[in-house]
Protein backbone atom coordinates (compact mmCIF):
# COMPACT_ATOMS: atom_id res chain seq x y z
CA MET A 1 26.67 3.28 -17.39
CA ASP A 2 28.92 6.55 -17.35
CA THR A 3 27.92 7.20 -21.16
CA ILE A 4 24.08 6.74 -19.87
CA ALA A 5 24.89 8.91 -17.21
CA GLY A 6 26.04 11.47 -19.86
CA LEU A 7 22.69 11.62 -21.66
CA PHE A 8 21.22 13.07 -18.68
CA SER A 9 23.80 15.72 -17.85
CA PHE A 10 20.86 18.21 -18.51
CA ILE A 11 18.97 17.45 -15.25
CA THR A 12 22.43 17.34 -13.08
CA THR A 13 22.11 20.76 -12.47
CA PRO A 14 18.57 20.42 -10.72
CA VAL A 15 19.14 17.26 -9.03
CA SER A 16 22.39 18.80 -7.72
CA TRP A 17 20.72 22.15 -6.17
CA ILE A 18 18.07 20.03 -4.63
CA ILE A 19 20.80 17.76 -2.84
CA VAL A 20 22.52 20.95 -1.84
CA GLN A 21 19.38 22.82 -0.58
CA PHE A 22 18.84 19.43 1.73
CA HIS A 23 22.24 19.35 2.64
CA SER A 24 22.32 22.95 4.02
CA VAL A 25 19.17 22.20 6.27
CA TYR A 26 21.15 18.65 7.44
CA GLY A 27 24.51 20.35 7.44
CA ALA A 28 23.36 22.65 10.36
CA VAL A 29 22.30 19.58 12.52
CA PHE A 30 24.94 16.90 11.78
CA GLY A 31 27.69 19.08 10.45
CA PRO A 32 28.68 19.73 6.89
CA ASP A 33 30.86 16.94 6.27
CA SER A 34 28.97 14.43 7.91
CA GLY A 35 28.10 11.36 5.59
CA TRP A 36 24.67 11.68 7.37
CA ALA A 37 24.20 15.50 5.88
CA TRP A 38 24.86 14.02 2.62
CA GLY A 39 23.51 10.72 3.00
CA LEU A 40 19.85 12.13 4.26
CA SER A 41 19.82 14.66 1.43
CA ILE A 42 20.02 11.73 -0.88
CA VAL A 43 16.92 10.18 0.80
CA SER A 44 15.17 13.69 0.91
CA LEU A 45 15.59 13.57 -2.85
CA VAL A 46 13.88 10.12 -3.29
CA ILE A 47 11.11 10.99 -1.21
CA LEU A 48 10.65 14.56 -3.08
CA ILE A 49 10.60 12.86 -6.08
CA ARG A 50 8.21 9.78 -5.23
CA ILE A 51 5.83 12.46 -3.88
CA CYS A 52 5.74 14.06 -7.33
CA LEU A 53 5.42 10.76 -8.84
CA ILE A 54 2.19 9.73 -7.08
CA PRO A 55 -0.14 10.66 -9.85
CA LEU A 56 1.74 8.33 -12.21
CA PHE A 57 1.68 5.53 -9.87
CA VAL A 58 -2.16 5.80 -9.68
CA LYS A 59 -2.16 5.71 -13.42
CA GLN A 60 0.45 2.51 -13.23
CA ILE A 61 -1.92 0.68 -10.64
CA LYS A 62 -5.39 1.48 -13.14
CA ALA A 63 -3.14 0.57 -16.21
CA THR A 64 -2.04 -2.56 -14.63
CA ARG A 65 -5.46 -3.64 -13.55
CA GLY A 66 -6.57 -3.00 -16.95
CA MET A 67 -4.04 -5.08 -18.47
CA GLN A 68 -4.90 -8.07 -16.12
CA ALA A 69 -8.74 -7.75 -17.11
CA LEU A 70 -8.13 -7.68 -20.63
CA GLN A 71 -5.81 -10.83 -20.46
CA PRO A 72 -8.33 -13.14 -21.49
CA LYS A 73 -9.62 -10.99 -24.10
CA MET A 74 -5.83 -10.23 -25.60
CA LYS A 75 -5.25 -14.24 -25.59
CA ALA A 76 -8.49 -14.80 -27.54
CA ILE A 77 -7.38 -12.54 -30.13
CA GLN A 78 -3.83 -14.19 -30.30
CA GLU A 79 -5.41 -17.59 -30.86
CA ARG A 80 -7.93 -16.29 -33.50
CA TYR A 81 -5.74 -14.17 -35.70
CA LYS A 82 -2.33 -16.53 -34.87
CA ASN A 83 -1.54 -16.66 -38.65
CA ASP A 84 -1.88 -12.99 -39.38
CA LYS A 85 -0.04 -10.78 -37.26
CA GLN A 86 -1.07 -7.82 -38.80
CA ARG A 87 -4.57 -7.93 -38.00
CA GLN A 88 -3.61 -9.23 -34.32
CA SER A 89 -1.81 -6.09 -34.00
CA GLU A 90 -4.99 -4.18 -35.33
CA GLU A 91 -7.20 -5.99 -32.77
CA MET A 92 -4.97 -5.15 -29.98
CA MET A 93 -4.77 -1.62 -30.57
CA LYS A 94 -8.54 -1.70 -31.07
CA LEU A 95 -8.96 -3.48 -27.81
CA TYR A 96 -6.71 -0.97 -26.35
CA LYS A 97 -8.72 2.14 -27.62
CA GLU A 98 -12.25 0.69 -26.91
CA THR A 99 -11.04 -0.06 -22.95
CA GLY A 100 -9.03 2.97 -22.73
CA THR A 101 -5.81 0.90 -21.98
CA ASN A 102 -2.46 1.72 -22.51
CA PRO A 103 0.13 -0.36 -22.11
CA LEU A 104 3.05 2.06 -21.48
CA SER A 105 1.47 3.38 -18.45
CA SER A 106 2.48 0.70 -16.13
CA CYS A 107 5.93 1.88 -16.93
CA LEU A 108 5.54 5.62 -16.37
CA PRO A 109 7.28 5.71 -12.60
CA ILE A 110 10.50 4.09 -13.64
CA LEU A 111 10.46 5.98 -16.91
CA ALA A 112 10.26 9.24 -15.25
CA GLN A 113 12.65 8.41 -12.33
CA SER A 114 15.40 7.35 -14.58
CA PRO A 115 16.60 10.66 -15.69
CA PHE A 116 17.07 11.40 -12.11
CA PHE A 117 18.85 8.35 -10.77
CA PHE A 118 21.31 8.64 -13.88
CA ALA A 119 21.66 12.38 -13.18
CA LEU A 120 22.59 11.51 -9.59
CA TYR A 121 24.85 8.77 -10.99
CA HIS A 122 26.63 11.49 -12.96
CA VAL A 123 26.84 13.89 -10.02
CA LEU A 124 28.45 11.14 -7.92
CA ALA A 125 31.09 9.94 -10.54
CA SER A 126 32.25 13.70 -10.80
CA ILE A 127 32.88 13.69 -7.05
CA ALA A 128 34.85 10.47 -7.12
CA ASN A 129 36.68 12.15 -9.90
CA GLY A 130 37.26 15.25 -8.01
CA GLU A 131 35.24 17.29 -10.64
CA THR A 132 32.85 20.13 -9.64
CA ILE A 133 29.29 19.44 -11.20
CA GLY A 134 26.01 21.33 -10.98
CA VAL A 135 25.85 24.10 -8.39
CA ILE A 136 28.37 21.94 -6.35
CA ASN A 137 31.16 24.02 -6.05
CA GLN A 138 35.19 23.32 -5.29
CA SER A 139 34.03 23.90 -1.20
CA LEU A 140 31.11 21.52 -1.55
CA LEU A 141 32.94 18.80 -3.62
CA GLU A 142 35.66 18.56 -0.96
CA SER A 143 32.95 18.39 1.97
CA ALA A 144 31.31 15.58 -0.26
CA ARG A 145 34.37 13.38 -0.74
CA GLN A 146 34.66 13.47 3.25
CA ALA A 147 31.35 12.24 3.64
CA HIS A 148 31.37 8.34 5.09
CA ILE A 149 28.27 6.22 5.55
CA PHE A 150 29.40 3.69 8.15
CA GLY A 151 32.92 4.32 6.69
CA ALA A 152 32.27 3.93 2.89
CA PRO A 153 32.54 7.34 0.83
CA LEU A 154 29.56 8.36 -1.21
CA ALA A 155 31.17 8.09 -4.23
CA SER A 156 33.06 4.75 -4.10
CA LYS A 157 31.98 1.52 -5.52
CA PHE A 158 32.41 -2.31 -4.85
CA THR A 159 34.80 -2.53 -7.93
CA ASP A 160 36.92 0.38 -6.87
CA SER A 161 40.38 -0.56 -6.27
CA ALA A 162 42.13 -0.23 -3.00
CA GLU A 163 44.48 2.60 -4.35
CA ASP A 164 40.93 4.72 -5.40
CA VAL A 165 39.25 4.09 -2.10
CA ALA A 166 42.24 5.22 -0.17
CA LYS A 167 42.44 8.32 -2.00
CA LEU A 168 39.01 9.08 -0.40
CA GLY A 169 40.13 8.28 3.15
CA ALA A 170 38.66 4.66 3.25
CA SER A 171 39.65 0.92 3.56
CA ILE A 172 38.40 -1.41 0.71
CA THR A 173 37.12 -3.91 3.48
CA ASP A 174 34.71 -1.00 4.64
CA VAL A 175 33.31 0.04 0.94
CA ARG A 176 32.82 -3.77 -0.03
CA ILE A 177 31.23 -4.44 3.36
CA VAL A 178 28.63 -1.42 3.18
CA THR A 179 28.28 -2.06 -0.69
CA ALA A 180 27.60 -5.62 -0.40
CA VAL A 181 25.02 -5.22 2.65
CA MET A 182 23.03 -2.60 0.61
CA ILE A 183 22.94 -4.37 -2.73
CA VAL A 184 21.59 -7.70 -0.66
CA LEU A 185 18.92 -5.10 0.90
CA MET A 186 18.21 -3.99 -2.52
CA SER A 187 17.45 -7.01 -4.01
CA LEU A 188 15.41 -8.48 -1.12
CA SER A 189 13.16 -5.60 -0.78
CA GLN A 190 12.65 -5.28 -4.63
CA PHE A 191 12.36 -9.72 -4.37
CA TYR A 192 9.61 -9.04 -1.35
CA THR A 193 7.58 -6.23 -3.28
CA GLN A 194 6.92 -8.28 -6.47
CA ARG A 195 6.18 -11.15 -4.15
CA GLN A 196 3.56 -9.37 -2.31
CA LEU A 197 2.09 -8.55 -5.49
CA MET A 198 2.01 -12.01 -7.17
CA GLN A 199 0.63 -13.62 -3.63
CA LYS A 200 -1.85 -11.00 -2.62
CA ASN A 201 -2.74 -8.69 -5.37
CA VAL A 202 -3.35 -10.73 -8.47
CA ASP A 203 -6.97 -11.89 -9.55
CA LEU A 204 -6.42 -15.62 -8.99
CA SER A 205 -9.64 -16.76 -10.78
CA VAL A 206 -7.87 -15.56 -14.19
CA LYS A 207 -4.88 -17.62 -15.35
CA THR A 208 -3.27 -16.11 -17.78
CA PRO A 209 0.54 -15.51 -19.74
CA PHE A 210 0.95 -11.82 -17.84
CA MET A 211 1.00 -13.66 -14.34
CA GLN A 212 3.55 -15.77 -16.07
CA GLN A 213 5.69 -12.72 -16.64
CA GLN A 214 5.21 -11.10 -13.34
CA LYS A 215 6.44 -14.29 -11.73
CA MET A 216 9.47 -14.34 -13.80
CA LEU A 217 10.24 -10.58 -13.00
CA MET A 218 9.84 -11.57 -9.42
CA TYR A 219 13.14 -13.31 -9.84
CA ILE A 220 14.57 -11.62 -12.44
CA PHE A 221 14.76 -8.01 -11.20
CA PRO A 222 16.58 -8.92 -8.00
CA LEU A 223 19.43 -10.32 -10.05
CA ILE A 224 19.85 -7.31 -12.05
CA PHE A 225 19.52 -5.32 -8.93
CA ALA A 226 22.59 -7.47 -7.62
CA VAL A 227 24.68 -7.37 -10.95
CA MET A 228 24.59 -3.73 -11.54
CA GLY A 229 24.74 -2.59 -7.81
CA VAL A 230 28.61 -3.28 -7.94
CA ASN A 231 28.78 -0.43 -10.29
CA PHE A 232 26.92 1.65 -8.16
CA PRO A 233 28.43 4.26 -6.27
CA VAL A 234 27.48 4.23 -2.29
CA GLY A 235 25.36 7.50 -3.00
CA VAL A 236 23.49 5.64 -5.68
CA LEU A 237 22.68 2.70 -3.69
CA VAL A 238 21.28 4.66 -0.92
CA TYR A 239 19.12 6.52 -3.39
CA TRP A 240 17.81 3.27 -4.88
CA LEU A 241 17.56 1.20 -1.52
CA THR A 242 15.39 4.24 -0.74
CA THR A 243 13.26 4.41 -3.38
CA ASN A 244 12.74 0.57 -3.33
CA VAL A 245 11.37 0.59 0.31
CA TRP A 246 9.11 3.75 -0.58
CA THR A 247 7.87 1.37 -3.24
CA MET A 248 7.41 -1.56 -0.80
CA GLY A 249 5.43 0.87 1.85
CA GLN A 250 3.64 2.04 -0.88
CA GLN A 251 2.31 -1.00 -2.61
CA MET A 252 1.57 -2.34 1.02
CA TYR A 253 -0.84 0.58 1.13
CA VAL A 254 -2.73 0.11 -2.05
CA ILE A 255 -3.08 -3.78 -1.27
CA ASN A 256 -4.63 -3.26 2.09
CA GLN A 257 -6.77 -0.08 0.87
CA ASN A 258 -7.69 -0.83 -2.49
CA PRO A 259 -6.66 -4.50 -3.48
CA THR A 260 -7.08 -5.91 -6.97
CA PRO A 261 -10.69 -7.32 -7.12
CA GLY A 262 -10.66 -11.19 -7.18
CA SER A 263 -7.12 -11.18 -5.11
CA MET A 264 -6.33 -12.71 -1.86
CA ALA A 265 -5.82 -9.08 -0.82
CA GLN A 266 -9.41 -8.33 -1.67
CA ASP A 267 -10.53 -11.43 0.19
CA GLN A 268 -8.73 -9.99 3.44
CA TYR A 269 -10.01 -6.54 3.09
CA LEU A 270 -13.51 -7.27 2.37
CA THR A 271 -13.32 -9.64 6.03
CA ARG A 272 -11.98 -6.53 7.69
CA LEU A 273 -14.72 -4.50 6.37
CA LEU A 274 -17.38 -7.05 7.04
CA LYS A 275 -15.93 -6.93 11.03
CA HIS A 276 -16.21 -3.13 10.90
CA ILE A 277 -19.82 -3.51 9.77
CA SER A 278 -20.75 -5.71 12.51
CA ALA A 279 -18.98 -3.65 15.04
CA ASN A 280 -20.41 -0.33 13.86
CA GLY A 281 -23.92 -1.17 12.11
CA ASN A 282 -22.99 0.65 8.89
CA VAL A 283 -19.93 1.53 6.39
CA LYS A 284 -18.23 4.74 8.12
CA GLY A 285 -15.15 6.33 5.70
CA ARG A 286 -15.74 7.46 1.98
CA SER A 287 -13.44 4.51 0.69
CA LYS A 288 -14.84 1.97 2.01
CA LYS A 289 -18.38 3.08 0.95
CA LYS A 290 -16.90 3.70 -2.32
CA ILE A 291 -16.03 -0.06 -2.21
CA VAL A 292 -19.32 -1.34 -1.18
CA ALA A 293 -21.11 0.80 -3.78
CA GLY A 294 -18.54 -0.73 -6.38
CA ILE A 295 -19.67 -4.15 -5.48
CA VAL A 296 -23.24 -3.31 -5.35
CA ALA A 297 -23.04 -1.75 -9.12
CA LYS A 298 -21.56 -4.77 -10.55
CA GLY A 299 -24.66 -6.76 -10.09
CA PRO A 300 -24.61 -10.63 -11.11
CA ASP A 301 -20.90 -9.80 -12.29
CA ARG A 302 -19.06 -10.23 -8.79
CA ASN A 303 -16.60 -12.23 -8.00
CA ASP A 304 -16.27 -15.20 -5.70
CA ASN A 305 -14.72 -12.83 -2.75
CA GLU A 306 -17.53 -10.14 -3.50
CA ARG A 307 -20.27 -12.52 -3.39
CA LYS A 308 -19.25 -14.20 -0.30
CA PHE A 309 -18.89 -10.78 1.37
CA ILE A 310 -22.83 -9.97 0.31
CA ASN A 311 -24.13 -13.21 1.49
CA ALA A 312 -22.26 -12.42 5.06
CA LEU A 313 -24.35 -9.27 4.99
CA THR A 314 -27.31 -10.96 4.00
CA LYS A 315 -26.99 -13.52 7.24
CA GLN A 316 -26.85 -10.81 9.54
CA GLY A 317 -29.83 -9.24 8.07
CA LEU A 318 -28.17 -6.40 6.24
CA ALA A 319 -28.10 -5.55 2.30
CA ALA A 320 -25.32 -3.25 0.70
CA GLN A 321 -27.15 0.14 -0.71
CA ALA A 322 -26.22 1.73 -4.06
CA ASP A 323 -24.73 4.49 -2.02
CA GLY A 324 -22.27 2.37 -0.47
CA SER A 325 -24.02 2.39 3.19
CA VAL A 326 -25.95 -0.55 4.45
CA SER A 327 -29.25 -1.27 5.77
CA LYS A 328 -31.76 -4.15 7.36
CA SER A 329 -32.72 -6.13 4.81
CA VAL A 330 -36.44 -6.52 3.76
CA GLU A 331 -36.79 -10.03 5.11
CA ALA A 332 -34.90 -8.99 8.06
CA THR A 333 -37.38 -6.08 8.62
CA ALA A 334 -40.28 -8.23 7.77
CA ASP A 335 -39.05 -11.08 10.44
CA SER A 336 -38.73 -8.53 12.77
CA ASP A 337 -42.09 -7.14 12.88
CA ALA A 338 -43.74 -10.53 12.73
CA ALA A 339 -41.62 -11.45 15.79
CA SER A 340 -42.75 -8.23 17.68
CA GLY A 341 -46.06 -8.59 16.33
CA GLY A 342 -46.62 -11.89 17.56
CA ALA A 343 -44.95 -10.83 20.96
CA ALA A 344 -47.31 -8.12 21.25
CA LYS A 345 -50.43 -10.43 21.07
CA ARG A 346 -49.06 -12.74 23.63
CA GLN A 347 -48.40 -10.12 25.82
CA GLN A 348 -51.95 -8.74 25.69
CA PRO A 349 -54.82 -11.15 25.66
CA LYS A 350 -58.41 -10.41 25.01
CA ARG A 351 -60.02 -8.57 28.08
CA GLN A 352 -63.43 -10.43 29.50
CA SER A 353 -65.99 -8.59 31.28
CA LYS A 354 -66.71 -8.82 35.34
CA SER A 355 -69.59 -10.82 34.45
CA GLN A 356 -67.62 -13.29 32.05
CA ARG A 357 -65.14 -13.96 34.78
CA GLN A 358 -67.81 -14.77 37.57
CA THR A 359 -70.31 -17.01 35.74
CA PRO A 360 -68.67 -20.58 34.95
CA THR A 361 -68.52 -22.14 31.81
CA LYS A 362 -71.73 -24.55 31.24
CA PRO A 363 -70.50 -27.65 29.32
CA SER A 364 -72.76 -28.18 26.21
CA PRO A 365 -75.31 -30.63 26.49
CA LYS A 366 -75.09 -34.14 25.14
CA LYS A 367 -77.09 -34.97 22.31
């Protein structure tokens, strides 16, 4: 891990500078040597990085959905050219080019975040060894070494010896309890994030190897975090736990507001949208109109969730329009006009003259 972190040493100065700037703010509130000041500085570093990565996250979503949509075609290519690996690769690349899909786009946020992660690890390892690094001078180094989170120094690890922990002014028991709890929380948050993706935001109508891969990752990633976490300093655990929580919340928002077509999340979203339309009589909000317009544009290619939504609107006498709004359907308008016309005729019978009302009707003569 130290060797890998060393490869990203070029970014340790910017990372240490950002942490120091946040520390100057939080130190004025909690005290410069407080674990809260240093811990919140790391949390703020995560938030800043993740905000900058939002455009990449959007690309990741589009790439993941694109790959899901391509799985049936990819499987067909694999079956067709199973004995010709070169032709298979050529057809795959042709498919990616035609659809504008890049498999690596789904990894962009992780790849972009990796340098900051390893740079932070390098900074905290230097603090643990009592070495200045980046813009962290001797006074800041001493302050960081004194900072504890729930009794565990920021630079301490689960695998540290009692002697090393004692040098940082803490007990090995406190360090292992805090790191164990944080590792468990990291693993659980990662598992929940992946499980939420698999259960709610995957097109259930398409059974592909991609779904099996995602299911495997749901169990593999938490195990990786658990194994690697024992070698992470407390400060890095704070960083990784924060980014996991951010990812979980960000994904929940995306699933609720822009679910994958054909998924359980889309069915739930369209059910909420139908209630919204019933209550307001129309579609309010640009994002909602965009969803409805997309469903209208699909025409006969709509999935089961979208067809159910359109049918439910029809039963309410409504029709979705190309601009995302809804209006009364032609059939409902005709029925309404016919009903109102019939009622008007019943309410306004033909008027008779005064002589007609006074003259009794004569029975017709019998033949």
